[in-house]
Amino acid sequence: MARVPLKIDSTRTITLSPGGQNVLVKHIIEDFGARFTPGGKILYVGDADEKFAFIDEASLEALGVQLAEHGKMPDVII
């Protein structure tokens, strides 16, 4: 199955594993995020294959957010 491409910003694109909720994650970022958080910055994207598919550690740290590697995680942080 083809991986799900996801544009993080104007310079970065990642791919998520096919199936599962990753198609929904793509829509959350591209549709919901664009509509309800215009100009928002993607800080974290999780994937079933790779828990930390994308993470902007510096921005999360600047906000005081600490992510536990073995803890429960949201699918997306914008």
N, C-alpha and C. Protein backbone atom coordinates (compact mmCIF):
# COMPACT_ATOMS: atom_id res chain seq x y z
N MET A 1 0.85 -1.19 0.00
CA MET A 1 0.00 0.00 0.00
C MET A 1 0.89 1.24 0.00
N ALA A 2 0.41 2.27 -0.66
CA ALA A 2 1.16 3.52 -0.74
C ALA A 2 1.09 4.27 0.58
N ARG A 3 2.20 4.89 0.95
CA ARG A 3 2.23 5.70 2.17
C ARG A 3 1.45 6.98 1.93
N VAL A 4 1.02 7.62 3.01
CA VAL A 4 0.19 8.82 2.95
C VAL A 4 1.11 10.04 3.07
N PRO A 5 1.23 10.84 1.98
CA PRO A 5 2.08 12.03 2.06
C PRO A 5 1.41 13.12 2.88
N LEU A 6 2.21 13.84 3.66
CA LEU A 6 1.68 14.90 4.51
C LEU A 6 2.66 16.06 4.49
N LYS A 7 2.19 17.21 4.01
CA LYS A 7 3.03 18.39 3.95
C LYS A 7 3.04 19.06 5.31
N ILE A 8 4.23 19.15 5.92
CA ILE A 8 4.39 19.77 7.24
C ILE A 8 4.46 21.29 7.10
N ASP A 9 5.26 21.75 6.17
CA ASP A 9 5.38 23.18 5.89
C ASP A 9 5.87 23.33 4.45
N SER A 10 6.28 24.52 4.07
CA SER A 10 6.66 24.76 2.67
C SER A 10 7.92 24.01 2.26
N THR A 11 8.69 23.52 3.23
CA THR A 11 9.94 22.83 2.89
C THR A 11 9.98 21.36 3.26
N ARG A 12 9.01 20.88 4.05
CA ARG A 12 9.05 19.50 4.54
C ARG A 12 7.77 18.74 4.26
N THR A 13 7.96 17.53 3.78
CA THR A 13 6.86 16.59 3.60
C THR A 13 7.30 15.27 4.22
N ILE A 14 6.40 14.65 4.97
CA ILE A 14 6.67 13.33 5.52
C ILE A 14 5.67 12.36 4.93
N THR A 15 5.86 11.08 5.16
CA THR A 15 4.86 10.10 4.76
C THR A 15 4.46 9.29 5.99
N LEU A 16 3.18 8.99 6.06
CA LEU A 16 2.63 8.19 7.15
C LEU A 16 2.31 6.80 6.62
N SER A 17 2.28 5.83 7.51
CA SER A 17 1.94 4.48 7.09
C SER A 17 0.50 4.46 6.55
N PRO A 18 0.24 3.59 5.59
CA PRO A 18 -1.10 3.53 4.99
C PRO A 18 -2.12 2.94 5.96
N GLY A 19 -3.36 3.29 5.74
CA GLY A 19 -4.44 2.71 6.52
C GLY A 19 -4.59 3.31 7.89
N GLY A 20 -5.44 2.68 8.67
CA GLY A 20 -5.68 3.15 10.03
C GLY A 20 -6.19 4.58 10.04
N GLN A 21 -5.79 5.31 11.07
CA GLN A 21 -6.28 6.67 11.22
C GLN A 21 -5.42 7.68 10.47
N ASN A 22 -4.38 7.27 9.77
CA ASN A 22 -3.48 8.22 9.15
C ASN A 22 -4.11 9.04 8.04
N VAL A 23 -5.09 8.50 7.34
CA VAL A 23 -5.82 9.30 6.36
C VAL A 23 -6.59 10.40 7.10
N LEU A 24 -7.16 10.06 8.25
CA LEU A 24 -7.85 11.05 9.08
C LEU A 24 -6.87 12.10 9.60
N VAL A 25 -5.69 11.69 10.02
CA VAL A 25 -4.67 12.63 10.49
C VAL A 25 -4.35 13.64 9.39
N LYS A 26 -4.20 13.15 8.17
CA LYS A 26 -3.93 14.04 7.03
C LYS A 26 -5.05 15.06 6.88
N HIS A 27 -6.31 14.62 6.98
CA HIS A 27 -7.45 15.54 6.86
C HIS A 27 -7.52 16.51 8.05
N ILE A 28 -7.18 16.04 9.23
CA ILE A 28 -7.17 16.93 10.40
C ILE A 28 -6.22 18.09 10.16
N ILE A 29 -5.04 17.78 9.67
CA ILE A 29 -4.04 18.82 9.44
C ILE A 29 -4.40 19.70 8.24
N GLU A 30 -4.69 19.08 7.11
CA GLU A 30 -4.90 19.85 5.89
C GLU A 30 -6.25 20.56 5.83
N ASP A 31 -7.29 19.97 6.36
CA ASP A 31 -8.63 20.58 6.27
C ASP A 31 -9.00 21.31 7.57
N PHE A 32 -9.07 20.57 8.67
CA PHE A 32 -9.45 21.16 9.95
C PHE A 32 -8.43 22.22 10.38
N GLY A 33 -7.15 21.85 10.35
CA GLY A 33 -6.10 22.77 10.78
C GLY A 33 -6.08 24.05 9.96
N ALA A 34 -6.17 23.91 8.65
CA ALA A 34 -6.16 25.09 7.77
C ALA A 34 -7.36 25.98 8.03
N ARG A 35 -8.48 25.39 8.34
CA ARG A 35 -9.71 26.18 8.55
C ARG A 35 -9.79 26.80 9.94
N PHE A 36 -9.44 26.03 10.97
CA PHE A 36 -9.66 26.49 12.34
C PHE A 36 -8.40 26.99 13.05
N THR A 37 -7.23 26.73 12.48
CA THR A 37 -5.99 27.28 13.04
C THR A 37 -5.14 27.87 11.90
N PRO A 38 -5.70 28.83 11.17
CA PRO A 38 -4.95 29.38 10.04
C PRO A 38 -3.61 29.95 10.51
N GLY A 39 -2.57 29.60 9.80
CA GLY A 39 -1.23 30.04 10.20
C GLY A 39 -0.65 29.21 11.33
N GLY A 40 -1.39 28.20 11.79
CA GLY A 40 -0.90 27.34 12.86
C GLY A 40 0.31 26.53 12.40
N LYS A 41 1.14 26.18 13.34
CA LYS A 41 2.36 25.44 13.04
C LYS A 41 2.21 24.01 13.55
N ILE A 42 2.52 23.05 12.72
CA ILE A 42 2.46 21.64 13.12
C ILE A 42 3.65 21.37 14.03
N LEU A 43 3.35 20.90 15.25
CA LEU A 43 4.41 20.64 16.22
C LEU A 43 4.66 19.15 16.43
N TYR A 44 3.65 18.33 16.17
CA TYR A 44 3.80 16.89 16.37
C TYR A 44 2.80 16.15 15.50
N VAL A 45 3.28 15.06 14.90
CA VAL A 45 2.41 14.12 14.18
C VAL A 45 2.86 12.72 14.57
N GLY A 46 1.90 11.94 15.03
CA GLY A 46 2.18 10.55 15.39
C GLY A 46 1.77 9.61 14.27
N ASP A 47 2.34 8.44 14.27
CA ASP A 47 2.06 7.43 13.25
C ASP A 47 2.08 6.07 13.93
N ALA A 48 1.27 5.16 13.46
CA ALA A 48 1.25 3.82 14.05
C ALA A 48 2.61 3.14 13.90
N ASP A 49 3.28 3.36 12.77
CA ASP A 49 4.60 2.76 12.55
C ASP A 49 5.70 3.47 13.34
N GLU A 50 5.58 4.78 13.44
CA GLU A 50 6.61 5.58 14.09
C GLU A 50 5.92 6.61 14.97
N LYS A 51 5.96 6.39 16.29
CA LYS A 51 5.21 7.24 17.23
C LYS A 51 5.49 8.71 17.01
N PHE A 52 6.75 9.06 16.78
CA PHE A 52 7.15 10.45 16.56
C PHE A 52 7.48 10.63 15.08
N ALA A 53 6.46 10.57 14.21
CA ALA A 53 6.70 10.73 12.78
C ALA A 53 7.26 12.11 12.48
N PHE A 54 6.78 13.11 13.21
CA PHE A 54 7.32 14.47 13.11
C PHE A 54 7.19 15.11 14.47
N ILE A 55 8.24 15.80 14.91
CA ILE A 55 8.19 16.51 16.18
C ILE A 55 9.08 17.76 16.09
N ASP A 56 8.52 18.87 16.50
CA ASP A 56 9.27 20.13 16.60
C ASP A 56 9.56 20.33 18.08
N GLU A 57 10.63 19.70 18.52
CA GLU A 57 10.96 19.70 19.96
C GLU A 57 11.21 21.10 20.50
N ALA A 58 11.88 21.94 19.73
CA ALA A 58 12.20 23.29 20.20
C ALA A 58 10.93 24.10 20.47
N SER A 59 9.97 24.03 19.56
CA SER A 59 8.72 24.79 19.74
C SER A 59 7.90 24.25 20.90
N LEU A 60 7.85 22.93 21.04
CA LEU A 60 7.12 22.34 22.17
C LEU A 60 7.78 22.73 23.49
N GLU A 61 9.10 22.69 23.53
CA GLU A 61 9.82 23.06 24.74
C GLU A 61 9.58 24.53 25.09
N ALA A 62 9.56 25.40 24.07
CA ALA A 62 9.31 26.82 24.30
C ALA A 62 7.93 27.06 24.90
N LEU A 63 6.99 26.17 24.60
CA LEU A 63 5.64 26.26 25.16
C LEU A 63 5.52 25.57 26.52
N GLY A 64 6.57 24.90 26.93
CA GLY A 64 6.54 24.18 28.20
C GLY A 64 5.90 22.81 28.11
N VAL A 65 5.78 22.27 26.89
CA VAL A 65 5.15 20.96 26.68
C VAL A 65 6.23 19.89 26.72
N GLN A 66 6.01 18.88 27.55
CA GLN A 66 6.93 17.75 27.63
C GLN A 66 6.19 16.50 27.19
N LEU A 67 6.77 15.79 26.25
CA LEU A 67 6.15 14.57 25.75
C LEU A 67 6.89 13.36 26.30
N ALA A 68 6.13 12.41 26.80
CA ALA A 68 6.71 11.18 27.35
C ALA A 68 6.79 10.14 26.24
N GLU A 69 7.98 9.65 26.01
CA GLU A 69 8.18 8.68 24.93
C GLU A 69 7.30 7.45 25.06
N HIS A 70 7.05 7.01 26.30
CA HIS A 70 6.25 5.81 26.51
C HIS A 70 4.84 6.12 26.99
N GLY A 71 4.48 7.40 27.04
CA GLY A 71 3.15 7.79 27.48
C GLY A 71 2.17 7.83 26.33
N LYS A 72 0.94 8.10 26.66
CA LYS A 72 -0.09 8.25 25.63
C LYS A 72 0.11 9.59 24.93
N MET A 73 -0.11 9.58 23.63
CA MET A 73 0.13 10.78 22.81
C MET A 73 -1.09 11.07 21.97
N PRO A 74 -1.30 12.35 21.67
CA PRO A 74 -2.33 12.69 20.69
C PRO A 74 -1.79 12.34 19.30
N ASP A 75 -2.64 12.34 18.30
CA ASP A 75 -2.18 12.08 16.93
C ASP A 75 -1.54 13.32 16.33
N VAL A 76 -2.03 14.50 16.72
CA VAL A 76 -1.58 15.75 16.11
C VAL A 76 -1.52 16.84 17.18
N ILE A 77 -0.49 17.68 17.10
CA ILE A 77 -0.44 18.92 17.89
C ILE A 77 -0.14 20.04 16.90
N ILE A 78 -1.06 21.01 16.85
CA ILE A 78 -0.89 22.19 15.98
C ILE A 78 -0.78 23.39 16.88
